[in-house]
Amino acid sequence: MQDRPEQTVSDNPLRHLTPAQFMALGGNAVVYIRPIKGAKLSELMEEEALGEEDQTEEFQIVVSADGSPLLVADSTEAVEEWLSDKNFGIVALH
């Protein structure tokens, strides 16, 4: 059996940008959308905004590239409607 060299994980330099450098790259124009379960969403929120019945529901969260949450919606259609009048250059689905 052949020995495999250990894989090294390189540190991406984009993780170390200052806010000003990030904005210069267009960081304010980049958002991503991802599904999130109600239970996980409750962990992220400071107040208990979701009821027990919402814990298993799936929501859509829109997050700016710097990690700031912009919108939580209960459907992809609601996200699409919200994005329709925004001026984001890139919207990536994850």
PDB file of N, CA and C in Angstrom:
ATOM      1  N   MET A   1       0.837  -1.170   0.000  1.00  0.00           N
ATOM      2  CA  MET A   1       0.000   0.000   0.000  1.00  0.00           C
ATOM      3  C   MET A   1       0.885   1.237   0.000  1.00  0.00           C
ATOM      4  N   GLN A   2       0.479   2.200  -0.730  1.00  0.00           N
ATOM      5  CA  GLN A   2       1.280   3.403  -0.879  1.00  0.00           C
ATOM      6  C   GLN A   2       0.911   4.435   0.196  1.00  0.00           C
ATOM      7  N   ASP A   3       1.946   5.027   0.799  1.00  0.00           N
ATOM      8  CA  ASP A   3       1.685   6.078   1.792  1.00  0.00           C
ATOM      9  C   ASP A   3       1.269   7.351   1.076  1.00  0.00           C
ATOM     10  N   ARG A   4       0.276   7.996   1.641  1.00  0.00           N
ATOM     11  CA  ARG A   4      -0.181   9.272   1.077  1.00  0.00           C
ATOM     12  C   ARG A   4       0.391  10.410   1.908  1.00  0.00           C
ATOM     13  N   PRO A   5       0.900  11.429   1.237  1.00  0.00           N
ATOM     14  CA  PRO A   5       1.392  12.575   2.009  1.00  0.00           C
ATOM     15  C   PRO A   5       0.217  13.255   2.718  1.00  0.00           C
ATOM     16  N   GLU A   6       0.495  13.767   3.881  1.00  0.00           N
ATOM     17  CA  GLU A   6      -0.549  14.466   4.624  1.00  0.00           C
ATOM     18  C   GLU A   6      -1.001  15.687   3.828  1.00  0.00           C
ATOM     19  N   GLN A   7      -2.307  15.884   3.794  1.00  0.00           N
ATOM     20  CA  GLN A   7      -2.828  17.054   3.106  1.00  0.00           C
ATOM     21  C   GLN A   7      -2.695  18.257   4.024  1.00  0.00           C
ATOM     22  N   THR A   8      -2.209  19.330   3.474  1.00  0.00           N
ATOM     23  CA  THR A   8      -2.110  20.547   4.255  1.00  0.00           C
ATOM     24  C   THR A   8      -3.232  21.475   3.840  1.00  0.00           C
ATOM     25  N   VAL A   9      -3.833  22.083   4.808  1.00  0.00           N
ATOM     26  CA  VAL A   9      -4.905  23.031   4.551  1.00  0.00           C
ATOM     27  C   VAL A   9      -4.284  24.413   4.522  1.00  0.00           C
ATOM     28  N   SER A  10      -4.410  25.065   3.381  1.00  0.00           N
ATOM     29  CA  SER A  10      -3.819  26.393   3.284  1.00  0.00           C
ATOM     30  C   SER A  10      -4.786  27.427   3.848  1.00  0.00           C
ATOM     31  N   ASP A  11      -4.237  28.431   4.435  1.00  0.00           N
ATOM     32  CA  ASP A  11      -5.029  29.511   5.011  1.00  0.00           C
ATOM     33  C   ASP A  11      -5.329  30.507   3.902  1.00  0.00           C
ATOM     34  N   ASN A  12      -6.603  30.691   3.604  1.00  0.00           N
ATOM     35  CA  ASN A  12      -7.008  31.583   2.529  1.00  0.00           C
ATOM     36  C   ASN A  12      -6.807  33.034   2.954  1.00  0.00           C
ATOM     37  N   PRO A  13      -6.072  33.820   2.160  1.00  0.00           N
ATOM     38  CA  PRO A  13      -5.814  35.217   2.533  1.00  0.00           C
ATOM     39  C   PRO A  13      -7.079  36.072   2.580  1.00  0.00           C
ATOM     40  N   LEU A  14      -8.152  35.645   1.911  1.00  0.00           N
ATOM     41  CA  LEU A  14      -9.389  36.421   1.953  1.00  0.00           C
ATOM     42  C   LEU A  14     -10.014  36.432   3.342  1.00  0.00           C
ATOM     43  N   ARG A  15      -9.647  35.482   4.180  1.00  0.00           N
ATOM     44  CA  ARG A  15     -10.183  35.439   5.540  1.00  0.00           C
ATOM     45  C   ARG A  15      -9.599  36.529   6.428  1.00  0.00           C
ATOM     46  N   HIS A  16      -8.543  37.187   5.978  1.00  0.00           N
ATOM     47  CA  HIS A  16      -7.843  38.161   6.805  1.00  0.00           C
ATOM     48  C   HIS A  16      -7.981  39.587   6.292  1.00  0.00           C
ATOM     49  N   LEU A  17      -8.971  39.825   5.435  1.00  0.00           N
ATOM     50  CA  LEU A  17      -9.185  41.171   4.906  1.00  0.00           C
ATOM     51  C   LEU A  17      -9.782  42.077   5.971  1.00  0.00           C
ATOM     52  N   THR A  18      -9.387  43.321   5.944  1.00  0.00           N
ATOM     53  CA  THR A  18     -10.044  44.297   6.809  1.00  0.00           C
ATOM     54  C   THR A  18     -11.399  44.621   6.188  1.00  0.00           C
ATOM     55  N   PRO A  19     -12.322  45.189   6.955  1.00  0.00           N
ATOM     56  CA  PRO A  19     -13.611  45.566   6.365  1.00  0.00           C
ATOM     57  C   PRO A  19     -13.467  46.485   5.150  1.00  0.00           C
ATOM     58  N   ALA A  20     -12.524  47.409   5.188  1.00  0.00           N
ATOM     59  CA  ALA A  20     -12.316  48.323   4.058  1.00  0.00           C
ATOM     60  C   ALA A  20     -11.825  47.561   2.822  1.00  0.00           C
ATOM     61  N   GLN A  21     -10.913  46.624   3.010  1.00  0.00           N
ATOM     62  CA  GLN A  21     -10.418  45.822   1.886  1.00  0.00           C
ATOM     63  C   GLN A  21     -11.538  44.960   1.309  1.00  0.00           C
ATOM     64  N   PHE A  22     -12.356  44.407   2.189  1.00  0.00           N
ATOM     65  CA  PHE A  22     -13.468  43.574   1.751  1.00  0.00           C
ATOM     66  C   PHE A  22     -14.444  44.381   0.907  1.00  0.00           C
ATOM     67  N   MET A  23     -14.790  45.579   1.360  1.00  0.00           N
ATOM     68  CA  MET A  23     -15.715  46.426   0.612  1.00  0.00           C
ATOM     69  C   MET A  23     -15.116  46.844  -0.725  1.00  0.00           C
ATOM     70  N   ALA A  24     -13.813  47.058  -0.765  1.00  0.00           N
ATOM     71  CA  ALA A  24     -13.157  47.423  -2.023  1.00  0.00           C
ATOM     72  C   ALA A  24     -13.252  46.304  -3.050  1.00  0.00           C
ATOM     73  N   LEU A  25     -13.359  45.077  -2.589  1.00  0.00           N
ATOM     74  CA  LEU A  25     -13.524  43.930  -3.483  1.00  0.00           C
ATOM     75  C   LEU A  25     -14.980  43.723  -3.895  1.00  0.00           C
ATOM     76  N   GLY A  26     -15.870  44.536  -3.384  1.00  0.00           N
ATOM     77  CA  GLY A  26     -17.281  44.395  -3.718  1.00  0.00           C
ATOM     78  C   GLY A  26     -18.045  43.559  -2.726  1.00  0.00           C
ATOM     79  N   GLY A  27     -17.530  43.429  -1.526  1.00  0.00           N
ATOM     80  CA  GLY A  27     -18.172  42.617  -0.504  1.00  0.00           C
ATOM     81  C   GLY A  27     -19.580  43.041  -0.165  1.00  0.00           C
ATOM     82  N   ASN A  28     -19.889  44.308  -0.355  1.00  0.00           N
ATOM     83  CA  ASN A  28     -21.241  44.775  -0.059  1.00  0.00           C
ATOM     84  C   ASN A  28     -22.229  44.397  -1.152  1.00  0.00           C
ATOM     85  N   ALA A  29     -21.745  43.834  -2.257  1.00  0.00           N
ATOM     86  CA  ALA A  29     -22.621  43.448  -3.360  1.00  0.00           C
ATOM     87  C   ALA A  29     -22.823  41.940  -3.429  1.00  0.00           C
ATOM     88  N   VAL A  30     -22.287  41.232  -2.466  1.00  0.00           N
ATOM     89  CA  VAL A  30     -22.338  39.772  -2.497  1.00  0.00           C
ATOM     90  C   VAL A  30     -23.190  39.257  -1.342  1.00  0.00           C
ATOM     91  N   VAL A  31     -24.139  38.400  -1.669  1.00  0.00           N
ATOM     92  CA  VAL A  31     -24.946  37.741  -0.650  1.00  0.00           C
ATOM     93  C   VAL A  31     -25.035  36.264  -0.986  1.00  0.00           C
ATOM     94  N   TYR A  32     -25.381  35.472   0.002  1.00  0.00           N
ATOM     95  CA  TYR A  32     -25.685  34.083  -0.284  1.00  0.00           C
ATOM     96  C   TYR A  32     -26.942  33.684   0.455  1.00  0.00           C
ATOM     97  N   ILE A  33     -27.579  32.663  -0.083  1.00  0.00           N
ATOM     98  CA  ILE A  33     -28.844  32.179   0.442  1.00  0.00           C
ATOM     99  C   ILE A  33     -28.647  30.718   0.808  1.00  0.00           C
ATOM    100  N   ARG A  34     -29.145  30.345   1.968  1.00  0.00           N
ATOM    101  CA  ARG A  34     -29.063  28.940   2.326  1.00  0.00           C
ATOM    102  C   ARG A  34     -30.257  28.558   3.185  1.00  0.00           C
ATOM    103  N   PRO A  35     -30.657  27.302   3.102  1.00  0.00           N
ATOM    104  CA  PRO A  35     -31.739  26.837   3.963  1.00  0.00           C
ATOM    105  C   PRO A  35     -31.223  26.653   5.389  1.00  0.00           C
ATOM    106  N   ILE A  36     -32.109  26.856   6.341  1.00  0.00           N
ATOM    107  CA  ILE A  36     -31.740  26.700   7.743  1.00  0.00           C
ATOM    108  C   ILE A  36     -32.969  26.207   8.500  1.00  0.00           C
ATOM    109  N   LYS A  37     -32.774  25.227   9.344  1.00  0.00           N
ATOM    110  CA  LYS A  37     -33.868  24.697  10.167  1.00  0.00           C
ATOM    111  C   LYS A  37     -34.204  25.693  11.283  1.00  0.00           C
ATOM    112  N   GLY A  38     -35.445  25.688  11.691  1.00  0.00           N
ATOM    113  CA  GLY A  38     -35.898  26.589  12.743  1.00  0.00           C
ATOM    114  C   GLY A  38     -35.112  26.445  14.028  1.00  0.00           C
ATOM    115  N   ALA A  39     -34.736  25.216  14.380  1.00  0.00           N
ATOM    116  CA  ALA A  39     -33.968  24.996  15.607  1.00  0.00           C
ATOM    117  C   ALA A  39     -32.618  25.705  15.540  1.00  0.00           C
ATOM    118  N   LYS A  40     -31.946  25.612  14.408  1.00  0.00           N
ATOM    119  CA  LYS A  40     -30.648  26.279  14.243  1.00  0.00           C
ATOM    120  C   LYS A  40     -30.828  27.794  14.209  1.00  0.00           C
ATOM    121  N   LEU A  41     -31.894  28.249  13.567  1.00  0.00           N
ATOM    122  CA  LEU A  41     -32.191  29.674  13.501  1.00  0.00           C
ATOM    123  C   LEU A  41     -32.428  30.230  14.900  1.00  0.00           C
ATOM    124  N   SER A  42     -33.104  29.472  15.746  1.00  0.00           N
ATOM    125  CA  SER A  42     -33.343  29.895  17.134  1.00  0.00           C
ATOM    126  C   SER A  42     -32.039  30.104  17.891  1.00  0.00           C
ATOM    127  N   GLU A  43     -31.048  29.264  17.602  1.00  0.00           N
ATOM    128  CA  GLU A  43     -29.739  29.402  18.257  1.00  0.00           C
ATOM    129  C   GLU A  43     -29.063  30.708  17.869  1.00  0.00           C
ATOM    130  N   LEU A  44     -29.305  31.169  16.651  1.00  0.00           N
ATOM    131  CA  LEU A  44     -28.656  32.382  16.153  1.00  0.00           C
ATOM    132  C   LEU A  44     -29.331  33.662  16.639  1.00  0.00           C
ATOM    133  N   MET A  45     -30.588  33.550  17.017  1.00  0.00           N
ATOM    134  CA  MET A  45     -31.354  34.725  17.412  1.00  0.00           C
ATOM    135  C   MET A  45     -31.203  34.982  18.904  1.00  0.00           C
ATOM    136  N   GLU A  46     -31.167  36.253  19.264  1.00  0.00           N
ATOM    137  CA  GLU A  46     -30.997  36.614  20.668  1.00  0.00           C
ATOM    138  C   GLU A  46     -32.267  36.361  21.470  1.00  0.00           C
ATOM    139  N   GLU A  47     -33.401  36.632  20.886  1.00  0.00           N
ATOM    140  CA  GLU A  47     -34.663  36.445  21.582  1.00  0.00           C
ATOM    141  C   GLU A  47     -35.347  35.184  21.086  1.00  0.00           C
ATOM    142  N   GLU A  48     -36.205  34.652  21.901  1.00  0.00           N
ATOM    143  CA  GLU A  48     -36.971  33.457  21.523  1.00  0.00           C
ATOM    144  C   GLU A  48     -38.092  33.904  20.585  1.00  0.00           C
ATOM    145  N   ALA A  49     -37.781  34.027  19.305  1.00  0.00           N
ATOM    146  CA  ALA A  49     -38.750  34.532  18.331  1.00  0.00           C
ATOM    147  C   ALA A  49     -39.529  33.417  17.645  1.00  0.00           C
ATOM    148  N   LEU A  50     -39.036  32.197  17.712  1.00  0.00           N
ATOM    149  CA  LEU A  50     -39.703  31.078  17.059  1.00  0.00           C
ATOM    150  C   LEU A  50     -40.395  30.207  18.093  1.00  0.00           C
ATOM    151  N   GLY A  51     -41.589  29.774  17.750  1.00  0.00           N
ATOM    152  CA  GLY A  51     -42.326  28.880  18.633  1.00  0.00           C
ATOM    153  C   GLY A  51     -41.881  27.446  18.454  1.00  0.00           C
ATOM    154  N   GLU A  52     -42.361  26.580  19.309  1.00  0.00           N
ATOM    155  CA  GLU A  52     -42.028  25.154  19.245  1.00  0.00           C
ATOM    156  C   GLU A  52     -42.368  24.550  17.886  1.00  0.00           C
ATOM    157  N   GLU A  53     -43.496  24.973  17.312  1.00  0.00           N
ATOM    158  CA  GLU A  53     -43.935  24.412  16.033  1.00  0.00           C
ATOM    159  C   GLU A  53     -42.998  24.784  14.880  1.00  0.00           C
ATOM    160  N   ASP A  54     -42.213  25.843  15.038  1.00  0.00           N
ATOM    161  CA  ASP A  54     -41.301  26.289  13.981  1.00  0.00           C
ATOM    162  C   ASP A  54     -39.927  25.620  14.040  1.00  0.00           C
ATOM    163  N   GLN A  55     -39.648  24.873  15.080  1.00  0.00           N
ATOM    164  CA  GLN A  55     -38.322  24.287  15.269  1.00  0.00           C
ATOM    165  C   GLN A  55     -37.935  23.317  14.154  1.00  0.00           C
ATOM    166  N   THR A  56     -38.899  22.619  13.581  1.00  0.00           N
ATOM    167  CA  THR A  56     -38.595  21.654  12.525  1.00  0.00           C
ATOM    168  C   THR A  56     -38.814  22.219  11.123  1.00  0.00           C
ATOM    169  N   GLU A  57     -39.347  23.432  11.032  1.00  0.00           N
ATOM    170  CA  GLU A  57     -39.586  24.056   9.729  1.00  0.00           C
ATOM    171  C   GLU A  57     -38.263  24.468   9.092  1.00  0.00           C
ATOM    172  N   GLU A  58     -38.277  24.559   7.766  1.00  0.00           N
ATOM    173  CA  GLU A  58     -37.092  25.027   7.059  1.00  0.00           C
ATOM    174  C   GLU A  58     -37.330  26.452   6.573  1.00  0.00           C
ATOM    175  N   PHE A  59     -36.380  27.325   6.858  1.00  0.00           N
ATOM    176  CA  PHE A  59     -36.430  28.717   6.458  1.00  0.00           C
ATOM    177  C   PHE A  59     -35.302  28.980   5.465  1.00  0.00           C
ATOM    178  N   GLN A  60     -35.338  30.137   4.837  1.00  0.00           N
ATOM    179  CA  GLN A  60     -34.271  30.580   3.949  1.00  0.00           C
ATOM    180  C   GLN A  60     -33.635  31.802   4.605  1.00  0.00           C
ATOM    181  N   ILE A  61     -32.317  31.808   4.685  1.00  0.00           N
ATOM    182  CA  ILE A  61     -31.625  32.960   5.259  1.00  0.00           C
ATOM    183  C   ILE A  61     -30.738  33.572   4.188  1.00  0.00           C
ATOM    184  N   VAL A  62     -30.794  34.890   4.077  1.00  0.00           N
ATOM    185  CA  VAL A  62     -29.944  35.639   3.159  1.00  0.00           C
ATOM    186  C   VAL A  62     -28.894  36.329   4.018  1.00  0.00           C
ATOM    187  N   VAL A  63     -27.644  36.067   3.700  1.00  0.00           N
ATOM    188  CA  VAL A  63     -26.527  36.567   4.496  1.00  0.00           C
ATOM    189  C   VAL A  63     -25.573  37.320   3.585  1.00  0.00           C
ATOM    190  N   SER A  64     -25.107  38.478   4.051  1.00  0.00           N
ATOM    191  CA  SER A  64     -24.112  39.206   3.267  1.00  0.00           C
ATOM    192  C   SER A  64     -22.793  38.454   3.334  1.00  0.00           C
ATOM    193  N   ALA A  65     -21.912  38.768   2.435  1.00  0.00           N
ATOM    194  CA  ALA A  65     -20.639  38.056   2.363  1.00  0.00           C
ATOM    195  C   ALA A  65     -19.806  38.221   3.625  1.00  0.00           C
ATOM    196  N   ASP A  66     -20.062  39.274   4.389  1.00  0.00           N
ATOM    197  CA  ASP A  66     -19.316  39.449   5.635  1.00  0.00           C
ATOM    198  C   ASP A  66     -19.945  38.695   6.803  1.00  0.00           C
ATOM    199  N   GLY A  67     -21.036  37.962   6.524  1.00  0.00           N
ATOM    200  CA  GLY A  67     -21.668  37.144   7.548  1.00  0.00           C
ATOM    201  C   GLY A  67     -22.857  37.776   8.240  1.00  0.00           C
ATOM    202  N   SER A  68     -23.186  39.010   7.894  1.00  0.00           N
ATOM    203  CA  SER A  68     -24.328  39.679   8.517  1.00  0.00           C
ATOM    204  C   SER A  68     -25.635  39.167   7.931  1.00  0.00           C
ATOM    205  N   PRO A  69     -26.566  38.728   8.777  1.00  0.00           N
ATOM    206  CA  PRO A  69     -27.858  38.280   8.242  1.00  0.00           C
ATOM    207  C   PRO A  69     -28.657  39.465   7.717  1.00  0.00           C
ATOM    208  N   LEU A  70     -29.260  39.291   6.549  1.00  0.00           N
ATOM    209  CA  LEU A  70     -30.040  40.354   5.936  1.00  0.00           C
ATOM    210  C   LEU A  70     -31.532  40.061   5.939  1.00  0.00           C
ATOM    211  N   LEU A  71     -31.891  38.781   5.797  1.00  0.00           N
ATOM    212  CA  LEU A  71     -33.295  38.416   5.695  1.00  0.00           C
ATOM    213  C   LEU A  71     -33.473  36.966   6.106  1.00  0.00           C
ATOM    214  N   VAL A  72     -34.559  36.702   6.802  1.00  0.00           N
ATOM    215  CA  VAL A  72     -35.009  35.340   7.063  1.00  0.00           C
ATOM    216  C   VAL A  72     -36.399  35.249   6.472  1.00  0.00           C
ATOM    217  N   ALA A  73     -36.617  34.250   5.637  1.00  0.00           N
ATOM    218  CA  ALA A  73     -37.909  34.088   4.979  1.00  0.00           C
ATOM    219  C   ALA A  73     -38.370  32.641   5.107  1.00  0.00           C
ATOM    220  N   ASP A  74     -39.665  32.456   4.915  1.00  0.00           N
ATOM    221  CA  ASP A  74     -40.204  31.099   5.013  1.00  0.00           C
ATOM    222  C   ASP A  74     -40.325  30.403   3.667  1.00  0.00           C
ATOM    223  N   SER A  75     -39.895  31.078   2.581  1.00  0.00           N
ATOM    224  CA  SER A  75     -39.959  30.454   1.259  1.00  0.00           C
ATOM    225  C   SER A  75     -38.931  31.071   0.321  1.00  0.00           C
ATOM    226  N   THR A  76     -38.565  30.314  -0.703  1.00  0.00           N
ATOM    227  CA  THR A  76     -37.643  30.848  -1.710  1.00  0.00           C
ATOM    228  C   THR A  76     -38.310  31.959  -2.510  1.00  0.00           C
ATOM    229  N   GLU A  77     -39.627  31.877  -2.652  1.00  0.00           N
ATOM    230  CA  GLU A  77     -40.343  32.919  -3.382  1.00  0.00           C
ATOM    231  C   GLU A  77     -40.226  34.262  -2.664  1.00  0.00           C
ATOM    232  N   ALA A  78     -40.325  34.237  -1.335  1.00  0.00           N
ATOM    233  CA  ALA A  78     -40.191  35.468  -0.555  1.00  0.00           C
ATOM    234  C   ALA A  78     -38.788  36.050  -0.710  1.00  0.00           C
ATOM    235  N   VAL A  79     -37.784  35.184  -0.746  1.00  0.00           N
ATOM    236  CA  VAL A  79     -36.403  35.637  -0.944  1.00  0.00           C
ATOM    237  C   VAL A  79     -36.260  36.255  -2.333  1.00  0.00           C
ATOM    238  N   GLU A  80     -36.786  35.580  -3.343  1.00  0.00           N
ATOM    239  CA  GLU A  80     -36.706  36.100  -4.710  1.00  0.00           C
ATOM    240  C   GLU A  80     -37.385  37.460  -4.830  1.00  0.00           C
ATOM    241  N   GLU A  81     -38.539  37.605  -4.196  1.00  0.00           N
ATOM    242  CA  GLU A  81     -39.245  38.886  -4.241  1.00  0.00           C
ATOM    243  C   GLU A  81     -38.423  39.977  -3.565  1.00  0.00           C
ATOM    244  N   TRP A  82     -37.843  39.667  -2.414  1.00  0.00           N
ATOM    245  CA  TRP A  82     -37.029  40.650  -1.694  1.00  0.00           C
ATOM    246  C   TRP A  82     -35.804  41.050  -2.511  1.00  0.00           C
ATOM    247  N   LEU A  83     -35.177  40.074  -3.169  1.00  0.00           N
ATOM    248  CA  LEU A  83     -33.978  40.360  -3.961  1.00  0.00           C
ATOM    249  C   LEU A  83     -34.288  41.102  -5.261  1.00  0.00           C
ATOM    250  N   SER A  84     -35.524  41.032  -5.738  1.00  0.00           N
ATOM    251  CA  SER A  84     -35.862  41.586  -7.046  1.00  0.00           C
ATOM    252  C   SER A  84     -35.601  43.080  -7.157  1.00  0.00           C
ATOM    253  N   ASP A  85     -35.709  43.818  -6.075  1.00  0.00           N
ATOM    254  CA  ASP A  85     -35.467  45.261  -6.161  1.00  0.00           C
ATOM    255  C   ASP A  85     -34.141  45.674  -5.528  1.00  0.00           C
ATOM    256  N   LYS A  86     -33.306  44.685  -5.229  1.00  0.00           N
ATOM    257  CA  LYS A  86     -31.983  44.979  -4.657  1.00  0.00           C
ATOM    258  C   LYS A  86     -30.958  45.077  -5.777  1.00  0.00           C
ATOM    259  N   ASN A  87     -29.829  45.632  -5.451  1.00  0.00           N
ATOM    260  CA  ASN A  87     -28.788  45.865  -6.450  1.00  0.00           C
ATOM    261  C   ASN A  87     -27.558  44.997  -6.200  1.00  0.00           C
ATOM    262  N   PHE A  88     -27.747  43.746  -5.838  1.00  0.00           N
ATOM    263  CA  PHE A  88     -26.615  42.876  -5.581  1.00  0.00           C
ATOM    264  C   PHE A  88     -26.030  42.390  -6.886  1.00  0.00           C
ATOM    265  N   GLY A  89     -24.717  42.432  -6.990  1.00  0.00           N
ATOM    266  CA  GLY A  89     -24.061  41.988  -8.207  1.00  0.00           C
ATOM    267  C   GLY A  89     -24.021  40.470  -8.320  1.00  0.00           C
ATOM    268  N   ILE A  90     -23.908  39.793  -7.199  1.00  0.00           N
ATOM    269  CA  ILE A  90     -23.803  38.335  -7.209  1.00  0.00           C
ATOM    270  C   ILE A  90     -24.724  37.800  -6.123  1.00  0.00           C
ATOM    271  N   VAL A  91     -25.499  36.803  -6.475  1.00  0.00           N
ATOM    272  CA  VAL A  91     -26.296  36.078  -5.497  1.00  0.00           C
ATOM    273  C   VAL A  91     -25.995  34.616  -5.712  1.00  0.00           C
ATOM    274  N   ALA A  92     -25.285  34.016  -4.785  1.00  0.00           N
ATOM    275  CA  ALA A  92     -24.905  32.600  -4.918  1.00  0.00           C
ATOM    276  C   ALA A  92     -25.786  31.759  -4.016  1.00  0.00           C
ATOM    277  N   LEU A  93     -26.223  30.637  -4.527  1.00  0.00           N
ATOM    278  CA  LEU A  93     -27.033  29.723  -3.737  1.00  0.00           C
ATOM    279  C   LEU A  93     -26.142  28.645  -3.152  1.00  0.00           C
ATOM    280  N   HIS A  94     -26.230  28.445  -1.839  1.00  0.00           N
ATOM    281  CA  HIS A  94     -25.437  27.413  -1.160  1.00  0.00           C
ATOM    282  C   HIS A  94     -26.358  26.469  -0.471  1.00  0.00           C
TER     283      HIS A  94
END
